C-alpha atoms as a PDB file:
ATOM      1  CA  MET A   1      79.075  79.464 105.313  1.00  0.00           C
ATOM      2  CA  GLU A   2      77.558  77.873 102.238  1.00  0.00           C
ATOM      3  CA  PRO A   3      74.488  79.719 100.959  1.00  0.00           C
ATOM      4  CA  ALA A   4      71.140  77.953 100.738  1.00  0.00           C
ATOM      5  CA  PRO A   5      70.149  76.679  97.275  1.00  0.00           C
ATOM      6  CA  ALA A   6      67.382  79.296  97.111  1.00  0.00           C
ATOM      7  CA  ASP A   7      69.952  82.056  97.717  1.00  0.00           C
ATOM      8  CA  VAL A   8      72.198  80.676  94.984  1.00  0.00           C
ATOM      9  CA  GLU A   9      69.258  80.807  92.548  1.00  0.00           C
ATOM     10  CA  ARG A  10      68.254  84.301  93.622  1.00  0.00           C
ATOM     11  CA  LEU A  11      71.682  85.932  93.788  1.00  0.00           C
ATOM     12  CA  THR A  12      73.681  84.544  90.874  1.00  0.00           C
ATOM     13  CA  PRO A  13      73.393  84.531  87.092  1.00  0.00           C
ATOM     14  CA  ARG A  14      71.961  81.256  85.839  1.00  0.00           C
ATOM     15  CA  ASP A  15      74.554  80.895  83.106  1.00  0.00           C
ATOM     16  CA  ARG A  16      77.325  80.248  85.654  1.00  0.00           C
ATOM     17  CA  SER A  17      78.375  76.684  86.302  1.00  0.00           C
ATOM     18  CA  ALA A  18      76.923  74.803  89.254  1.00  0.00           C
ATOM     19  CA  LYS A  19      80.321  74.726  90.973  1.00  0.00           C
ATOM     20  CA  ASP A  20      80.837  78.506  90.677  1.00  0.00           C
ATOM     21  CA  ARG A  21      77.408  79.770  91.681  1.00  0.00           C
ATOM     22  CA  PRO A  22      77.647  78.921  95.426  1.00  0.00           C
ATOM     23  CA  LEU A  23      81.005  80.735  95.681  1.00  0.00           C
ATOM     24  CA  LEU A  24      79.659  83.856  94.025  1.00  0.00           C
ATOM     25  CA  ALA A  25      76.427  83.679  96.040  1.00  0.00           C
ATOM     26  CA  ALA A  26      78.421  83.489  99.287  1.00  0.00           C
ATOM     27  CA  ALA A  27      80.384  86.610  98.331  1.00  0.00           C
ATOM     28  CA  ILE A  28      77.208  88.487  97.414  1.00  0.00           C
ATOM     29  CA  ALA A  29      75.392  87.376 100.577  1.00  0.00           C
ATOM     30  CA  ALA A  30      78.370  88.523 102.667  1.00  0.00           C
ATOM     31  CA  ARG A  31      78.175  91.915 100.905  1.00  0.00           C
ATOM     32  CA  ALA A  32      81.712  91.583  99.612  1.00  0.00           C
ATOM     33  CA  THR A  33      82.813  94.475  97.448  1.00  0.00           C
ATOM     34  CA  HIS A  34      85.216  92.308  95.454  1.00  0.00           C
ATOM     35  CA  PHE A  35      85.364  88.677  94.335  1.00  0.00           C
ATOM     36  CA  VAL A  36      88.958  87.712  93.556  1.00  0.00           C
ATOM     37  CA  THR A  37      89.517  84.734  91.263  1.00  0.00           C
ATOM     38  CA  GLY A  38      92.009  83.417  88.779  1.00  0.00           C
ATOM     39  CA  ASP A  39      89.279  81.444  87.010  1.00  0.00           C
ATOM     40  CA  LEU A  40      89.189  83.367  83.750  1.00  0.00           C
ATOM     41  CA  ALA A  41      87.466  80.537  81.911  1.00  0.00           C
ATOM     42  CA  ASP A  42      84.317  80.909  84.007  1.00  0.00           C
ATOM     43  CA  PHE A  43      84.402  84.509  85.220  1.00  0.00           C
ATOM     44  CA  LYS A  44      86.093  86.623  82.523  1.00  0.00           C
ATOM     45  CA  ARG A  45      82.875  87.969  81.017  1.00  0.00           C
ATOM     46  CA  TRP A  46      81.748  89.056  84.495  1.00  0.00           C
ATOM     47  CA  MET A  47      84.949  91.001  85.194  1.00  0.00           C
ATOM     48  CA  GLU A  48      83.783  94.112  83.362  1.00  0.00           C
ATOM     49  CA  PRO A  49      82.680  96.959  85.646  1.00  0.00           C
ATOM     50  CA  ARG A  50      79.236  97.024  84.014  1.00  0.00           C
ATOM     51  CA  ALA A  51      78.579  93.326  84.678  1.00  0.00           C
ATOM     52  CA  ARG A  52      75.572  94.152  86.903  1.00  0.00           C
ATOM     53  CA  LEU A  53      76.736  92.243  89.937  1.00  0.00           C
ATOM     54  CA  PRO A  54      76.814  93.709  93.447  1.00  0.00           C
ATOM     55  CA  CYS A  55      80.519  92.899  93.780  1.00  0.00           C
ATOM     56  CA  ARG A  56      83.343  93.478  91.349  1.00  0.00           C
ATOM     57  CA  ILE A  57      85.001  90.331  90.012  1.00  0.00           C
ATOM     58  CA  MET A  58      88.758  90.731  89.616  1.00  0.00           C
ATOM     59  CA  THR A  59      91.912  88.710  89.084  1.00  0.00           C
ATOM     60  CA  PRO A  60      94.416  88.706  91.951  1.00  0.00           C
ATOM     61  CA  ARG A  61      96.686  91.042  89.939  1.00  0.00           C
ATOM     62  CA  GLN A  62      93.835  93.492  89.314  1.00  0.00           C
ATOM     63  CA  PHE A  63      92.929  93.483  92.980  1.00  0.00           C
ATOM     64  CA  LEU A  64      96.492  94.155  94.097  1.00  0.00           C
ATOM     65  CA  THR A  65      97.037  96.976  91.607  1.00  0.00           C
ATOM     66  CA  GLU A  66      93.582  98.593  91.434  1.00  0.00           C
ATOM     67  CA  ALA A  67      91.552  97.933  94.536  1.00  0.00           C
ATOM     68  CA  ARG A  68      94.001  97.594  97.364  1.00  0.00           C
ATOM     69  CA  PRO A  69      95.001 100.915  98.944  1.00  0.00           C
END
């Protein structure tokens, strides 16, 4: 489900692009623990563990080697 515009504003950093913010907001609203993306151009700086987001942003490789049991 696509999050409401107010939720996108409230849940996501404003420096993200308009196309990325709804995706990240949906993951946060769903209480996802991880957000898996190959989009390093837009998300690399948010992939650090101290990025202050409620879910950890990871590449598919990171997810498969670090997060998946």
